[in-house]
Amino acid sequence: MELYFVGLLLMLLSFWYSKTIIQKALSLLDDEKKVLLMNVFQNENKYKSLFIILILAIYFVAIRYTTISYKILLGVLFSFLISVIIYNFITRVNKLKQNEFPHEYIKQFKRAALIQIAGILFLLATSLIIF
């Protein structure tokens, strides 16, 4: 169980580090681009959050009422979550490019997103080893 907490800690640290990268990258933008950034992504998370909650609910129902291996369910859940994150990553990078954000900001955004994905993979790896 201690290994799981190491994976969880690594994931949380990667999310924190990713956030610091994005905060520093914001300093690369002028006020006009910051407002545009807020407008471009303002409504994006509403429906994605509901979708993730639905998938998590299905996951917990599957754990409770099926005989499918926990490792398989966990692998499917993490695969799905990583797929959603990668899809969000691609669509957000495309939106940033379409709205002509600076190349350096996009580069930092990509770096932060990849660090988040690595954190999730740390948690997945430790979860699969333990369970």
Protein backbone atom coordinates (compact mmCIF):
# COMPACT_ATOMS: atom_id res chain seq x y z
CA MET A 1 0.00 0.00 0.00
CA GLU A 2 2.93 2.35 0.60
CA LEU A 3 3.87 2.09 -3.06
CA TYR A 4 0.40 3.31 -4.01
CA PHE A 5 0.93 6.42 -1.89
CA VAL A 6 4.26 7.00 -3.62
CA GLY A 7 2.44 6.90 -6.97
CA LEU A 8 -0.26 9.21 -5.65
CA LEU A 9 2.36 11.60 -4.29
CA LEU A 10 4.24 11.60 -7.61
CA MET A 11 1.00 12.33 -9.45
CA LEU A 12 0.12 15.21 -7.12
CA LEU A 13 3.66 16.62 -7.42
CA SER A 14 3.50 16.40 -11.19
CA PHE A 15 0.18 18.27 -11.20
CA TRP A 16 1.63 20.93 -8.89
CA TYR A 17 4.75 21.31 -11.04
CA SER A 18 2.60 21.47 -14.16
CA LYS A 19 0.56 24.27 -12.60
CA THR A 20 3.71 26.25 -11.81
CA ILE A 21 4.85 25.89 -15.43
CA ILE A 22 1.51 27.23 -16.69
CA GLN A 23 1.57 30.11 -14.22
CA LYS A 24 5.04 31.13 -15.40
CA ALA A 25 3.95 30.73 -19.02
CA LEU A 26 1.10 33.18 -18.43
CA SER A 27 3.71 35.88 -17.94
CA LEU A 28 4.58 35.42 -21.61
CA LEU A 29 1.12 36.64 -22.62
CA ASP A 30 -0.07 40.21 -22.87
CA ASP A 31 -3.39 41.19 -21.30
CA GLU A 32 -5.27 40.78 -24.58
CA LYS A 33 -4.07 37.18 -24.98
CA LYS A 34 -4.91 36.38 -21.34
CA VAL A 35 -8.50 37.52 -21.91
CA LEU A 36 -8.62 35.54 -25.15
CA LEU A 37 -7.31 32.47 -23.29
CA MET A 38 -10.13 32.71 -20.77
CA ASN A 39 -12.74 33.16 -23.51
CA VAL A 40 -11.46 30.28 -25.63
CA PHE A 41 -11.54 27.72 -22.79
CA GLN A 42 -14.35 29.12 -20.65
CA ASN A 43 -17.14 26.65 -21.48
CA GLU A 44 -14.95 23.69 -22.34
CA ASN A 45 -14.80 21.93 -18.96
CA LYS A 46 -18.53 21.81 -18.16
CA TYR A 47 -19.41 18.81 -20.30
CA LYS A 48 -16.08 17.05 -19.95
CA SER A 49 -16.44 16.99 -16.17
CA LEU A 50 -19.89 15.41 -16.40
CA PHE A 51 -18.53 12.82 -18.82
CA ILE A 52 -15.67 11.91 -16.47
CA ILE A 53 -18.10 11.62 -13.53
CA LEU A 54 -20.29 9.28 -15.58
CA ILE A 55 -17.31 7.07 -16.46
CA LEU A 56 -16.20 6.95 -12.81
CA ALA A 57 -19.74 5.96 -11.78
CA ILE A 58 -19.74 3.14 -14.34
CA TYR A 59 -16.33 2.05 -13.04
CA PHE A 60 -17.53 1.84 -9.44
CA VAL A 61 -20.70 -0.01 -10.47
CA ALA A 62 -18.54 -2.46 -12.45
CA ILE A 63 -16.30 -3.05 -9.42
CA ARG A 64 -19.31 -3.74 -7.24
CA TYR A 65 -21.50 -5.82 -9.57
CA THR A 66 -19.21 -7.69 -11.96
CA THR A 67 -16.61 -10.41 -11.68
CA ILE A 68 -14.17 -8.66 -13.98
CA SER A 69 -10.66 -8.48 -12.54
CA TYR A 70 -9.86 -5.31 -10.63
CA LYS A 71 -6.62 -4.92 -12.59
CA ILE A 72 -8.52 -5.03 -15.88
CA LEU A 73 -11.06 -2.47 -14.69
CA LEU A 74 -8.30 -0.24 -13.36
CA GLY A 75 -6.37 -0.55 -16.63
CA VAL A 76 -9.47 0.32 -18.65
CA LEU A 77 -10.26 3.30 -16.42
CA PHE A 78 -6.75 4.71 -16.61
CA SER A 79 -6.55 4.06 -20.36
CA PHE A 80 -9.77 5.97 -20.80
CA LEU A 81 -8.64 8.85 -18.60
CA ILE A 82 -5.31 9.11 -20.39
CA SER A 83 -7.13 9.05 -23.74
CA VAL A 84 -9.36 11.93 -22.59
CA ILE A 85 -6.32 13.88 -21.41
CA ILE A 86 -4.49 13.33 -24.70
CA TYR A 87 -7.60 14.33 -26.68
CA ASN A 88 -7.93 17.50 -24.55
CA PHE A 89 -4.23 18.18 -25.04
CA ILE A 90 -4.51 17.96 -28.83
CA THR A 91 -7.67 20.07 -29.05
CA ARG A 92 -6.28 22.73 -26.71
CA VAL A 93 -2.99 22.99 -28.59
CA ASN A 94 -4.95 23.36 -31.85
CA LYS A 95 -7.10 26.11 -30.30
CA LEU A 96 -4.01 27.92 -29.09
CA LYS A 97 -2.47 27.75 -32.55
CA GLN A 98 -5.70 28.86 -34.24
CA ASN A 99 -5.85 31.90 -31.96
CA GLU A 100 -2.20 32.71 -32.67
CA PHE A 101 -0.79 32.33 -29.17
CA PRO A 102 2.99 32.73 -28.90
CA HIS A 103 5.05 29.66 -29.76
CA GLU A 104 6.83 29.77 -26.39
CA TYR A 105 3.52 29.71 -24.50
CA ILE A 106 2.33 26.70 -26.52
CA LYS A 107 5.64 24.98 -25.84
CA GLN A 108 5.25 25.49 -22.08
CA PHE A 109 1.62 24.35 -22.26
CA LYS A 110 2.72 21.12 -23.96
CA ARG A 111 5.42 20.56 -21.37
CA ALA A 112 2.95 21.01 -18.52
CA ALA A 113 0.43 18.62 -20.09
CA LEU A 114 3.05 15.92 -20.62
CA ILE A 115 4.14 16.21 -16.99
CA GLN A 116 0.51 15.68 -15.92
CA ILE A 117 0.24 12.58 -18.11
CA ALA A 118 3.46 11.24 -16.58
CA GLY A 119 1.99 11.74 -13.11
CA ILE A 120 -1.10 9.76 -14.01
CA LEU A 121 1.09 7.01 -15.43
CA PHE A 122 3.03 6.88 -12.14
CA LEU A 123 -0.23 6.36 -10.27
CA LEU A 124 -1.38 3.71 -12.77
CA ALA A 125 1.89 1.81 -12.53
CA THR A 126 1.90 1.73 -8.74
CA SER A 127 -1.81 0.82 -8.65
CA LEU A 128 -1.34 -2.12 -11.01
CA ILE A 129 1.71 -3.38 -9.11
CA ILE A 130 -0.14 -3.35 -5.79
CA PHE A 131 -3.57 -4.58 -6.78
